[in-house]
Amino acid sequence: MRLDKFLWFVRLTKTRALAQDLAEQGRMRIDGRVVDRAHAAIRVGNVLTFALHGRVRIVRVEALPARRGPAPEAAACYTDLSPPPVDEPRSAT
């Protein structure tokens, strides 16, 4: 399956165009290899690493979806290995 379709099908991006842009920036990795094309092949077991919405996301592909379905169906297609978001320290005033 294409990388951009996977990102869109599992609802990590809102549109396929955004998924293509994310993949073509050259800041995404598949199993540690830098990817700079939206048509890179994704297989079950691959680990994707990329920055999205101000944090680093690490996801392992568990299944290849056949369609962009509901959120619970999409979430079953990957395991999120990302570290928890870090809260910014509050200033004492």
N, C-alpha and C. Protein backbone atom coordinates (compact mmCIF):
# COMPACT_ATOMS: atom_id res chain seq x y z
N MET A 1 0.84 -1.17 0.00
CA MET A 1 0.00 0.00 0.00
C MET A 1 0.89 1.24 0.00
N ARG A 2 0.43 2.28 -0.65
CA ARG A 2 1.15 3.55 -0.69
C ARG A 2 1.14 4.22 0.68
N LEU A 3 2.23 4.89 0.99
CA LEU A 3 2.37 5.59 2.27
C LEU A 3 1.28 6.64 2.46
N ASP A 4 1.03 7.46 1.44
CA ASP A 4 0.02 8.51 1.59
C ASP A 4 -1.37 7.96 1.81
N LYS A 5 -1.71 6.88 1.12
CA LYS A 5 -3.03 6.27 1.32
C LYS A 5 -3.16 5.70 2.73
N PHE A 6 -2.10 5.09 3.23
CA PHE A 6 -2.14 4.54 4.58
C PHE A 6 -2.39 5.64 5.61
N LEU A 7 -1.62 6.73 5.53
CA LEU A 7 -1.78 7.83 6.48
C LEU A 7 -3.19 8.40 6.45
N TRP A 8 -3.77 8.49 5.27
CA TRP A 8 -5.12 9.02 5.13
C TRP A 8 -6.16 8.01 5.60
N PHE A 9 -6.02 6.75 5.20
CA PHE A 9 -6.98 5.71 5.58
C PHE A 9 -7.07 5.53 7.09
N VAL A 10 -5.93 5.60 7.79
CA VAL A 10 -5.95 5.39 9.24
C VAL A 10 -6.15 6.70 10.01
N ARG A 11 -6.50 7.76 9.28
CA ARG A 11 -6.89 9.04 9.89
C ARG A 11 -5.77 9.74 10.65
N LEU A 12 -4.53 9.56 10.23
CA LEU A 12 -3.43 10.32 10.80
C LEU A 12 -3.34 11.70 10.15
N THR A 13 -3.89 11.84 8.94
CA THR A 13 -4.01 13.13 8.26
C THR A 13 -5.45 13.30 7.80
N LYS A 14 -5.87 14.56 7.69
CA LYS A 14 -7.26 14.83 7.30
C LYS A 14 -7.53 14.59 5.83
N THR A 15 -6.53 14.86 4.98
CA THR A 15 -6.72 14.67 3.55
C THR A 15 -5.54 13.90 2.97
N ARG A 16 -5.77 13.33 1.81
CA ARG A 16 -4.68 12.61 1.15
C ARG A 16 -3.61 13.58 0.67
N ALA A 17 -4.01 14.77 0.29
CA ALA A 17 -3.04 15.79 -0.14
C ALA A 17 -2.09 16.14 1.01
N LEU A 18 -2.61 16.26 2.21
CA LEU A 18 -1.75 16.52 3.37
C LEU A 18 -0.81 15.35 3.62
N ALA A 19 -1.30 14.13 3.41
CA ALA A 19 -0.45 12.94 3.57
C ALA A 19 0.66 12.94 2.54
N GLN A 20 0.35 13.33 1.31
CA GLN A 20 1.37 13.41 0.26
C GLN A 20 2.42 14.45 0.61
N ASP A 21 1.99 15.61 1.08
CA ASP A 21 2.93 16.67 1.46
C ASP A 21 3.84 16.21 2.59
N LEU A 22 3.27 15.55 3.58
CA LEU A 22 4.04 15.05 4.71
C LEU A 22 5.11 14.07 4.25
N ALA A 23 4.74 13.17 3.35
CA ALA A 23 5.68 12.16 2.86
C ALA A 23 6.77 12.77 1.99
N GLU A 24 6.43 13.77 1.20
CA GLU A 24 7.38 14.35 0.26
C GLU A 24 8.34 15.37 0.89
N GLN A 25 8.12 15.73 2.15
CA GLN A 25 9.02 16.66 2.82
C GLN A 25 10.37 16.03 3.13
N GLY A 26 10.45 14.72 3.10
CA GLY A 26 11.72 14.04 3.37
C GLY A 26 12.03 13.92 4.85
N ARG A 27 11.04 14.10 5.70
CA ARG A 27 11.25 14.01 7.15
C ARG A 27 10.54 12.81 7.75
N MET A 28 10.15 11.89 6.91
CA MET A 28 9.48 10.68 7.38
C MET A 28 10.42 9.50 7.21
N ARG A 29 10.32 8.56 8.13
CA ARG A 29 11.16 7.36 8.06
C ARG A 29 10.29 6.12 8.11
N ILE A 30 10.68 5.14 7.32
CA ILE A 30 10.07 3.81 7.36
C ILE A 30 11.18 2.87 7.79
N ASP A 31 11.02 2.27 8.96
CA ASP A 31 12.04 1.37 9.53
C ASP A 31 13.42 2.02 9.54
N GLY A 32 13.47 3.33 9.84
CA GLY A 32 14.73 4.04 9.96
C GLY A 32 15.27 4.62 8.66
N ARG A 33 14.68 4.27 7.52
CA ARG A 33 15.11 4.81 6.23
C ARG A 33 14.32 6.06 5.90
N VAL A 34 15.01 7.11 5.47
CA VAL A 34 14.33 8.35 5.10
C VAL A 34 13.53 8.13 3.83
N VAL A 35 12.30 8.65 3.82
CA VAL A 35 11.41 8.53 2.67
C VAL A 35 11.07 9.92 2.19
N ASP A 36 11.11 10.14 0.87
CA ASP A 36 10.76 11.44 0.33
C ASP A 36 9.76 11.33 -0.81
N ARG A 37 9.00 10.26 -0.81
CA ARG A 37 7.99 10.10 -1.87
C ARG A 37 6.72 9.49 -1.28
N ALA A 38 5.61 9.96 -1.76
CA ALA A 38 4.31 9.53 -1.25
C ALA A 38 3.96 8.10 -1.67
N HIS A 39 4.57 7.61 -2.72
CA HIS A 39 4.23 6.28 -3.21
C HIS A 39 5.12 5.18 -2.63
N ALA A 40 5.86 5.48 -1.56
CA ALA A 40 6.68 4.45 -0.91
C ALA A 40 5.77 3.34 -0.40
N ALA A 41 6.24 2.12 -0.52
CA ALA A 41 5.41 0.96 -0.13
C ALA A 41 5.43 0.74 1.39
N ILE A 42 4.25 0.48 1.93
CA ILE A 42 4.06 0.18 3.34
C ILE A 42 3.62 -1.27 3.47
N ARG A 43 4.19 -1.96 4.45
CA ARG A 43 3.82 -3.36 4.70
C ARG A 43 3.53 -3.54 6.18
N VAL A 44 2.81 -4.58 6.52
CA VAL A 44 2.54 -4.90 7.92
C VAL A 44 3.88 -5.12 8.63
N GLY A 45 4.03 -4.51 9.80
CA GLY A 45 5.26 -4.63 10.57
C GLY A 45 6.19 -3.45 10.43
N ASN A 46 5.99 -2.60 9.40
CA ASN A 46 6.82 -1.40 9.25
C ASN A 46 6.58 -0.44 10.41
N VAL A 47 7.64 0.28 10.79
CA VAL A 47 7.54 1.32 11.81
C VAL A 47 7.75 2.66 11.12
N LEU A 48 6.77 3.56 11.26
CA LEU A 48 6.82 4.88 10.66
C LEU A 48 7.15 5.90 11.73
N THR A 49 8.07 6.80 11.43
CA THR A 49 8.45 7.86 12.36
C THR A 49 8.35 9.19 11.61
N PHE A 50 7.62 10.14 12.20
CA PHE A 50 7.42 11.44 11.55
C PHE A 50 6.93 12.46 12.57
N ALA A 51 7.12 13.73 12.24
CA ALA A 51 6.62 14.82 13.08
C ALA A 51 5.24 15.23 12.57
N LEU A 52 4.30 15.36 13.50
CA LEU A 52 2.95 15.75 13.13
C LEU A 52 2.32 16.51 14.29
N HIS A 53 1.82 17.68 14.01
CA HIS A 53 1.15 18.51 15.02
C HIS A 53 2.04 18.82 16.21
N GLY A 54 3.30 19.13 15.94
CA GLY A 54 4.21 19.56 16.98
C GLY A 54 4.79 18.48 17.85
N ARG A 55 4.64 17.22 17.48
CA ARG A 55 5.25 16.13 18.24
C ARG A 55 5.69 15.01 17.30
N VAL A 56 6.58 14.19 17.79
CA VAL A 56 7.07 13.06 17.00
C VAL A 56 6.11 11.90 17.17
N ARG A 57 5.68 11.34 16.06
CA ARG A 57 4.78 10.18 16.09
C ARG A 57 5.56 8.96 15.63
N ILE A 58 5.38 7.87 16.33
CA ILE A 58 5.97 6.58 15.96
C ILE A 58 4.84 5.58 15.95
N VAL A 59 4.58 5.00 14.78
CA VAL A 59 3.49 4.02 14.67
C VAL A 59 3.99 2.77 13.97
N ARG A 60 3.51 1.62 14.44
CA ARG A 60 3.81 0.34 13.80
C ARG A 60 2.57 -0.11 13.05
N VAL A 61 2.73 -0.47 11.78
CA VAL A 61 1.63 -0.91 10.94
C VAL A 61 1.22 -2.32 11.36
N GLU A 62 -0.04 -2.47 11.75
CA GLU A 62 -0.57 -3.78 12.18
C GLU A 62 -1.41 -4.43 11.09
N ALA A 63 -2.05 -3.62 10.26
CA ALA A 63 -2.89 -4.13 9.18
C ALA A 63 -3.00 -3.07 8.10
N LEU A 64 -3.28 -3.49 6.89
CA LEU A 64 -3.47 -2.56 5.78
C LEU A 64 -4.96 -2.40 5.54
N PRO A 65 -5.50 -1.21 5.78
CA PRO A 65 -6.94 -1.00 5.63
C PRO A 65 -7.36 -1.02 4.16
N ALA A 66 -8.58 -1.47 3.91
CA ALA A 66 -9.11 -1.51 2.55
C ALA A 66 -9.81 -0.21 2.19
N ARG A 67 -10.15 0.60 3.21
CA ARG A 67 -10.88 1.84 2.97
C ARG A 67 -10.63 2.80 4.13
N ARG A 68 -11.10 4.03 3.98
CA ARG A 68 -11.05 5.00 5.06
C ARG A 68 -12.36 4.84 5.83
N GLY A 69 -12.33 4.02 6.84
CA GLY A 69 -13.52 3.72 7.61
C GLY A 69 -13.61 4.56 8.86
N PRO A 70 -14.46 4.12 9.79
CA PRO A 70 -14.63 4.85 11.04
C PRO A 70 -13.35 4.81 11.89
N ALA A 71 -13.25 5.75 12.82
CA ALA A 71 -12.04 5.89 13.64
C ALA A 71 -11.64 4.61 14.38
N PRO A 72 -12.57 3.88 15.02
CA PRO A 72 -12.15 2.64 15.70
C PRO A 72 -11.54 1.61 14.75
N GLU A 73 -12.09 1.52 13.55
CA GLU A 73 -11.56 0.60 12.54
C GLU A 73 -10.16 1.06 12.10
N ALA A 74 -9.98 2.35 11.93
CA ALA A 74 -8.68 2.90 11.53
C ALA A 74 -7.64 2.69 12.62
N ALA A 75 -8.01 2.91 13.88
CA ALA A 75 -7.07 2.79 14.99
C ALA A 75 -6.58 1.35 15.17
N ALA A 76 -7.35 0.39 14.72
CA ALA A 76 -6.95 -1.02 14.83
C ALA A 76 -5.86 -1.39 13.83
N CYS A 77 -5.58 -0.52 12.88
CA CYS A 77 -4.60 -0.80 11.83
C CYS A 77 -3.18 -0.42 12.21
N TYR A 78 -3.00 0.25 13.36
CA TYR A 78 -1.65 0.63 13.78
C TYR A 78 -1.57 0.66 15.29
N THR A 79 -0.33 0.54 15.79
CA THR A 79 -0.05 0.69 17.21
C THR A 79 0.78 1.94 17.38
N ASP A 80 0.34 2.82 18.27
CA ASP A 80 1.04 4.07 18.52
C ASP A 80 2.15 3.83 19.54
N LEU A 81 3.39 3.97 19.12
CA LEU A 81 4.56 3.78 19.98
C LEU A 81 5.16 5.11 20.42
N SER A 82 4.46 6.21 20.14
CA SER A 82 4.97 7.54 20.44
C SER A 82 5.13 7.76 21.93
N PRO A 83 6.16 8.51 22.31
CA PRO A 83 6.27 8.89 23.72
C PRO A 83 5.14 9.83 24.08
N PRO A 84 4.72 9.85 25.34
CA PRO A 84 3.64 10.76 25.72
C PRO A 84 4.07 12.21 25.54
N PRO A 85 3.13 13.09 25.23
CA PRO A 85 3.49 14.50 25.06
C PRO A 85 4.04 15.07 26.36
N VAL A 86 5.02 15.95 26.21
CA VAL A 86 5.65 16.57 27.37
C VAL A 86 4.92 17.88 27.66
N ASP A 87 4.48 18.03 28.89
CA ASP A 87 3.83 19.28 29.28
C ASP A 87 4.89 20.35 29.46
N GLU A 88 4.58 21.55 28.98
CA GLU A 88 5.52 22.65 29.14
C GLU A 88 5.50 23.13 30.58
N PRO A 89 6.66 23.44 31.16
CA PRO A 89 6.67 23.91 32.55
C PRO A 89 5.99 25.27 32.66
N ARG A 90 5.26 25.43 33.71
CA ARG A 90 4.55 26.68 33.93
C ARG A 90 5.47 27.64 34.69
N SER A 91 5.38 28.90 34.33
CA SER A 91 6.21 29.88 35.01
C SER A 91 5.50 30.33 36.29
N ALA A 92 6.26 30.47 37.36
CA ALA A 92 5.71 30.90 38.63
C ALA A 92 5.66 32.42 38.66
N THR A 93 4.44 32.96 38.74
CA THR A 93 4.30 34.41 38.80
C THR A 93 3.47 34.82 39.96
